[in-house]
C-alpha cells in the first residue's frame, strides 16, 4: 500500500463528519440564512421519508466521526497534544432526536 498521510486522512474524515452534521441540522431546523426551507421540505417530502433521511444522515455522521477518531488515535501523538479518550467518541443520538449534538457548519 502506498504511503498514506494519516493526519490528512483524519482531517478529511472530520470535515466529512462536520458536513454530515450540518446536513442533519439543515434537515431538522431552518438555518438563519435559509428561512422557510424546512417548512417547504416538510411539505414536499412525506414524513416517513424525511424521518428515514434524517436517520440515514445521522448514521453517516456517526460512522464518519468514529472513523476519523480511529484514524486520529492511530497516529503517533503530537508533542503536547491531548490523547482522545473513549468519552470523546461521538454518541449516537436517540432515534427520536432530530439532530446530533453539533459542531458548527463545516468550513470549506
N, C-alpha and C. Protein backbone atom coordinates (compact mmCIF):
# COMPACT_ATOMS: atom_id res chain seq x y z
N UNK A 1 0.84 -1.17 0.00
CA UNK A 1 0.00 0.00 0.00
C UNK A 1 0.89 1.24 0.00
N UNK A 2 0.47 2.23 -0.73
CA UNK A 2 1.25 3.46 -0.80
C UNK A 2 1.26 4.16 0.55
N UNK A 3 2.27 4.98 0.75
CA UNK A 3 2.37 5.74 1.98
C UNK A 3 1.17 6.68 2.09
N UNK A 4 0.43 6.56 3.16
CA UNK A 4 -0.77 7.36 3.37
C UNK A 4 -0.51 8.37 4.48
N UNK A 5 -0.87 9.60 4.25
CA UNK A 5 -0.76 10.62 5.27
C UNK A 5 -1.98 10.51 6.17
N UNK A 6 -1.81 9.82 7.30
CA UNK A 6 -2.94 9.57 8.20
C UNK A 6 -3.50 10.86 8.80
N UNK A 7 -2.64 11.81 9.06
CA UNK A 7 -3.12 13.08 9.61
C UNK A 7 -4.06 13.77 8.61
N UNK A 8 -3.68 13.75 7.34
CA UNK A 8 -4.53 14.33 6.30
C UNK A 8 -5.85 13.57 6.23
N UNK A 9 -5.78 12.24 6.25
CA UNK A 9 -6.98 11.41 6.17
C UNK A 9 -7.90 11.68 7.36
N UNK A 10 -7.35 11.76 8.56
CA UNK A 10 -8.16 12.04 9.75
C UNK A 10 -8.85 13.40 9.60
N UNK A 11 -8.13 14.38 9.09
CA UNK A 11 -8.70 15.71 8.89
C UNK A 11 -9.83 15.70 7.87
N UNK A 12 -9.63 14.99 6.78
CA UNK A 12 -10.68 14.90 5.75
C UNK A 12 -11.91 14.18 6.28
N UNK A 13 -11.71 13.10 7.04
CA UNK A 13 -12.84 12.39 7.62
C UNK A 13 -13.60 13.28 8.60
N UNK A 14 -12.87 14.09 9.37
CA UNK A 14 -13.50 15.03 10.29
C UNK A 14 -14.33 16.05 9.52
N UNK A 15 -13.79 16.55 8.41
CA UNK A 15 -14.54 17.50 7.59
C UNK A 15 -15.83 16.86 7.06
N UNK A 16 -15.73 15.62 6.59
CA UNK A 16 -16.92 14.93 6.09
C UNK A 16 -17.94 14.73 7.21
N UNK A 17 -17.46 14.40 8.40
CA UNK A 17 -18.34 14.25 9.56
C UNK A 17 -19.04 15.58 9.87
N UNK A 18 -18.29 16.68 9.80
CA UNK A 18 -18.88 18.01 10.03
C UNK A 18 -19.95 18.32 8.99
N UNK A 19 -19.70 17.95 7.74
CA UNK A 19 -20.71 18.17 6.70
C UNK A 19 -21.95 17.34 6.96
N UNK A 20 -21.79 16.10 7.37
CA UNK A 20 -22.95 15.26 7.68
C UNK A 20 -23.75 15.87 8.83
N UNK A 21 -23.05 16.41 9.83
CA UNK A 21 -23.70 17.08 10.95
C UNK A 21 -24.48 18.29 10.46
N UNK A 22 -23.89 19.06 9.58
CA UNK A 22 -24.55 20.24 9.02
C UNK A 22 -25.78 19.85 8.21
N UNK A 23 -25.67 18.78 7.43
CA UNK A 23 -26.80 18.32 6.63
C UNK A 23 -27.94 17.89 7.55
N UNK A 24 -27.62 17.15 8.59
CA UNK A 24 -28.65 16.73 9.54
C UNK A 24 -29.30 17.95 10.20
N UNK A 25 -28.50 18.90 10.59
CA UNK A 25 -29.03 20.13 11.17
C UNK A 25 -29.96 20.83 10.18
N UNK A 26 -29.56 20.88 8.92
CA UNK A 26 -30.37 21.54 7.90
C UNK A 26 -31.67 20.80 7.61
N UNK A 27 -31.69 19.49 7.87
CA UNK A 27 -32.91 18.71 7.69
C UNK A 27 -33.82 18.80 8.91
N UNK A 28 -33.34 19.45 9.97
CA UNK A 28 -34.07 19.47 11.23
C UNK A 28 -34.56 20.85 11.65
N UNK A 29 -33.78 21.89 11.35
CA UNK A 29 -34.19 23.26 11.69
C UNK A 29 -33.72 24.20 10.58
N UNK A 30 -34.42 25.32 10.45
CA UNK A 30 -34.01 26.32 9.48
C UNK A 30 -32.73 26.99 9.94
N UNK A 31 -31.83 27.20 9.01
CA UNK A 31 -30.62 27.97 9.27
C UNK A 31 -30.98 29.45 9.17
N UNK A 32 -30.24 30.33 9.83
CA UNK A 32 -30.57 31.76 9.78
C UNK A 32 -30.67 32.29 8.35
N UNK A 33 -29.87 31.78 7.45
CA UNK A 33 -29.87 32.27 6.07
C UNK A 33 -30.81 31.47 5.16
N UNK A 34 -31.60 30.53 5.73
CA UNK A 34 -32.48 29.67 4.93
C UNK A 34 -33.89 29.62 5.52
N UNK A 35 -34.44 30.72 5.90
CA UNK A 35 -35.77 30.73 6.50
C UNK A 35 -36.80 30.10 5.55
N UNK A 36 -37.62 29.19 6.10
CA UNK A 36 -38.69 28.58 5.31
C UNK A 36 -38.31 27.31 4.60
N UNK A 37 -37.02 26.98 4.56
CA UNK A 37 -36.59 25.79 3.84
C UNK A 37 -37.14 24.52 4.47
N UNK A 38 -37.09 24.43 5.78
CA UNK A 38 -37.58 23.24 6.47
C UNK A 38 -39.08 23.07 6.25
N UNK A 39 -39.82 24.15 6.32
CA UNK A 39 -41.27 24.07 6.10
C UNK A 39 -41.57 23.55 4.70
N UNK A 40 -40.86 24.03 3.70
CA UNK A 40 -41.04 23.56 2.33
C UNK A 40 -40.66 22.09 2.22
N UNK A 41 -39.56 21.71 2.82
CA UNK A 41 -39.12 20.32 2.81
C UNK A 41 -40.18 19.42 3.44
N UNK A 42 -40.70 19.84 4.58
CA UNK A 42 -41.72 19.04 5.27
C UNK A 42 -43.02 18.98 4.48
N UNK A 43 -43.28 19.98 3.64
CA UNK A 43 -44.47 19.98 2.80
C UNK A 43 -44.30 19.03 1.61
N UNK A 44 -43.10 18.98 1.05
CA UNK A 44 -42.87 18.21 -0.17
C UNK A 44 -42.45 16.76 0.05
N UNK A 45 -41.86 16.48 1.20
CA UNK A 45 -41.35 15.13 1.46
C UNK A 45 -42.26 14.45 2.49
N UNK A 46 -42.74 13.25 2.18
CA UNK A 46 -43.57 12.54 3.15
C UNK A 46 -42.83 12.36 4.48
N UNK A 47 -43.57 12.46 5.60
CA UNK A 47 -42.94 12.40 6.93
C UNK A 47 -42.05 11.17 7.15
N UNK A 48 -42.48 10.01 6.73
CA UNK A 48 -41.67 8.80 6.93
C UNK A 48 -40.37 8.85 6.12
N UNK A 49 -40.44 9.42 4.91
CA UNK A 49 -39.23 9.57 4.09
C UNK A 49 -38.25 10.54 4.74
N UNK A 50 -38.77 11.64 5.26
CA UNK A 50 -37.91 12.63 5.91
C UNK A 50 -37.29 12.03 7.18
N UNK A 51 -38.07 11.27 7.92
CA UNK A 51 -37.55 10.61 9.12
C UNK A 51 -36.44 9.63 8.74
N UNK A 52 -36.63 8.87 7.66
CA UNK A 52 -35.61 7.92 7.21
C UNK A 52 -34.36 8.64 6.73
N UNK A 53 -34.54 9.75 6.03
CA UNK A 53 -33.39 10.53 5.56
C UNK A 53 -32.58 11.05 6.74
N UNK A 54 -33.26 11.57 7.75
CA UNK A 54 -32.56 12.04 8.94
C UNK A 54 -31.81 10.90 9.62
N UNK A 55 -32.44 9.74 9.70
CA UNK A 55 -31.80 8.58 10.31
C UNK A 55 -30.55 8.19 9.52
N UNK A 56 -30.65 8.17 8.18
CA UNK A 56 -29.52 7.80 7.34
C UNK A 56 -28.36 8.78 7.49
N UNK A 57 -28.67 10.06 7.50
CA UNK A 57 -27.62 11.08 7.65
C UNK A 57 -26.99 10.97 9.04
N UNK A 58 -27.81 10.73 10.07
CA UNK A 58 -27.28 10.56 11.43
C UNK A 58 -26.32 9.38 11.47
N UNK A 59 -26.66 8.30 10.77
CA UNK A 59 -25.81 7.12 10.72
C UNK A 59 -24.49 7.42 10.02
N UNK A 60 -24.55 8.14 8.91
CA UNK A 60 -23.33 8.52 8.19
C UNK A 60 -22.46 9.40 9.07
N UNK A 61 -23.08 10.37 9.76
CA UNK A 61 -22.31 11.24 10.65
C UNK A 61 -21.58 10.41 11.71
N UNK A 62 -22.31 9.51 12.35
CA UNK A 62 -21.72 8.70 13.41
C UNK A 62 -20.55 7.86 12.90
N UNK A 63 -20.73 7.24 11.75
CA UNK A 63 -19.66 6.39 11.20
C UNK A 63 -18.44 7.21 10.82
N UNK A 64 -18.66 8.36 10.18
CA UNK A 64 -17.53 9.20 9.80
C UNK A 64 -16.80 9.76 11.03
N UNK A 65 -17.55 10.18 12.03
CA UNK A 65 -16.93 10.73 13.24
C UNK A 65 -16.09 9.67 13.93
N UNK A 66 -16.60 8.46 14.04
CA UNK A 66 -15.84 7.39 14.67
C UNK A 66 -14.63 6.99 13.84
N UNK A 67 -14.78 6.90 12.54
CA UNK A 67 -13.65 6.55 11.68
C UNK A 67 -12.56 7.61 11.78
N UNK A 68 -12.96 8.87 11.78
CA UNK A 68 -12.00 9.97 11.93
C UNK A 68 -11.24 9.84 13.25
N UNK A 69 -11.97 9.56 14.32
CA UNK A 69 -11.34 9.41 15.62
C UNK A 69 -10.41 8.19 15.65
N UNK A 70 -10.83 7.09 15.04
CA UNK A 70 -9.99 5.90 14.98
C UNK A 70 -8.68 6.16 14.25
N UNK A 71 -8.76 6.86 13.12
CA UNK A 71 -7.55 7.19 12.36
C UNK A 71 -6.68 8.15 13.17
N UNK A 72 -7.31 9.15 13.78
CA UNK A 72 -6.55 10.13 14.56
C UNK A 72 -5.85 9.49 15.76
N UNK A 73 -6.51 8.54 16.42
CA UNK A 73 -5.90 7.92 17.59
C UNK A 73 -4.83 6.91 17.20
N UNK A 74 -4.80 6.50 15.94
CA UNK A 74 -3.76 5.59 15.46
C UNK A 74 -2.47 6.35 15.15
N UNK A 75 -2.56 7.67 15.10
CA UNK A 75 -1.39 8.50 14.81
C UNK A 75 -0.51 8.59 16.04
N UNK A 76 0.79 8.70 15.83
CA UNK A 76 1.64 8.97 16.99
C UNK A 76 1.26 10.34 17.56
N UNK A 77 1.20 10.46 18.88
CA UNK A 77 0.77 11.74 19.46
C UNK A 77 1.75 12.87 19.15
N UNK A 78 1.18 14.02 18.87
CA UNK A 78 1.99 15.22 18.68
C UNK A 78 2.44 15.70 20.05
N UNK A 79 3.62 16.29 20.12
CA UNK A 79 4.07 16.80 21.42
C UNK A 79 3.07 17.79 22.00
N UNK A 80 2.63 17.54 23.24
CA UNK A 80 1.72 18.46 23.91
C UNK A 80 0.26 18.28 23.55
N UNK A 81 -0.08 17.39 22.62
CA UNK A 81 -1.47 17.21 22.22
C UNK A 81 -2.15 16.22 23.16
N UNK A 82 -3.37 16.52 23.59
CA UNK A 82 -4.08 15.57 24.45
C UNK A 82 -4.52 14.36 23.64
N UNK A 83 -4.53 13.21 24.27
CA UNK A 83 -4.98 12.00 23.60
C UNK A 83 -6.50 11.92 23.68
N UNK A 84 -7.10 11.34 22.65
CA UNK A 84 -8.55 11.15 22.66
C UNK A 84 -8.90 10.06 23.66
N UNK A 85 -9.89 10.31 24.45
CA UNK A 85 -10.37 9.33 25.42
C UNK A 85 -11.63 8.69 24.87
N UNK A 86 -11.99 7.49 25.33
CA UNK A 86 -13.23 6.87 24.86
C UNK A 86 -14.44 7.78 25.03
N UNK A 87 -14.45 8.61 26.07
CA UNK A 87 -15.58 9.54 26.27
C UNK A 87 -15.66 10.58 25.17
N UNK A 88 -14.56 10.78 24.40
CA UNK A 88 -14.57 11.75 23.32
C UNK A 88 -15.29 11.22 22.09
N UNK A 89 -15.57 9.93 22.08
CA UNK A 89 -16.23 9.33 20.92
C UNK A 89 -17.62 9.90 20.75
N UNK A 90 -18.04 10.09 19.50
CA UNK A 90 -19.39 10.59 19.25
C UNK A 90 -20.43 9.61 19.80
N UNK A 91 -21.47 10.13 20.35
CA UNK A 91 -22.56 9.31 20.86
C UNK A 91 -23.70 9.33 19.85
N UNK A 92 -24.26 8.17 19.59
CA UNK A 92 -25.40 8.10 18.69
C UNK A 92 -26.59 8.72 19.40
N UNK A 93 -27.20 9.73 18.77
CA UNK A 93 -28.36 10.34 19.41
C UNK A 93 -29.53 9.36 19.40
N UNK A 94 -30.45 9.55 20.31
CA UNK A 94 -31.61 8.67 20.35
C UNK A 94 -32.40 8.81 19.06
N UNK A 95 -33.13 7.78 18.72
CA UNK A 95 -33.84 7.75 17.46
C UNK A 95 -34.82 8.92 17.34
N UNK A 96 -35.37 9.37 18.45
CA UNK A 96 -36.31 10.48 18.41
C UNK A 96 -35.65 11.83 18.26
N UNK A 97 -34.35 11.89 18.44
CA UNK A 97 -33.65 13.18 18.35
C UNK A 97 -33.63 13.65 16.91
N UNK A 98 -33.84 14.94 16.71
CA UNK A 98 -33.83 15.48 15.36
C UNK A 98 -32.43 15.66 14.81
N UNK A 99 -31.45 15.78 15.69
CA UNK A 99 -30.11 16.01 15.19
C UNK A 99 -29.08 15.60 16.23
N UNK A 100 -27.87 15.47 15.76
CA UNK A 100 -26.78 15.11 16.64
C UNK A 100 -26.26 16.36 17.34
N UNK A 101 -25.65 16.21 18.52
CA UNK A 101 -25.02 17.37 19.14
C UNK A 101 -24.02 17.96 18.15
N UNK A 102 -24.08 19.24 17.98
CA UNK A 102 -23.48 19.82 16.78
C UNK A 102 -22.15 20.48 16.97
N UNK A 103 -21.41 20.34 15.91
CA UNK A 103 -20.34 21.28 15.67
C UNK A 103 -21.00 22.36 14.82
N UNK A 104 -20.36 23.43 14.55
CA UNK A 104 -20.95 24.44 13.70
C UNK A 104 -20.83 24.00 12.25
N UNK A 105 -21.37 24.77 11.38
CA UNK A 105 -21.31 24.42 9.95
C UNK A 105 -19.88 24.23 9.53
N UNK A 106 -19.64 23.25 8.65
CA UNK A 106 -18.28 23.00 8.20
C UNK A 106 -17.69 24.20 7.47
N UNK A 107 -16.40 24.27 7.56
CA UNK A 107 -15.69 25.35 6.86
C UNK A 107 -14.99 24.74 5.67
N UNK A 108 -15.16 25.35 4.53
CA UNK A 108 -14.51 24.84 3.32
C UNK A 108 -13.11 25.34 3.21
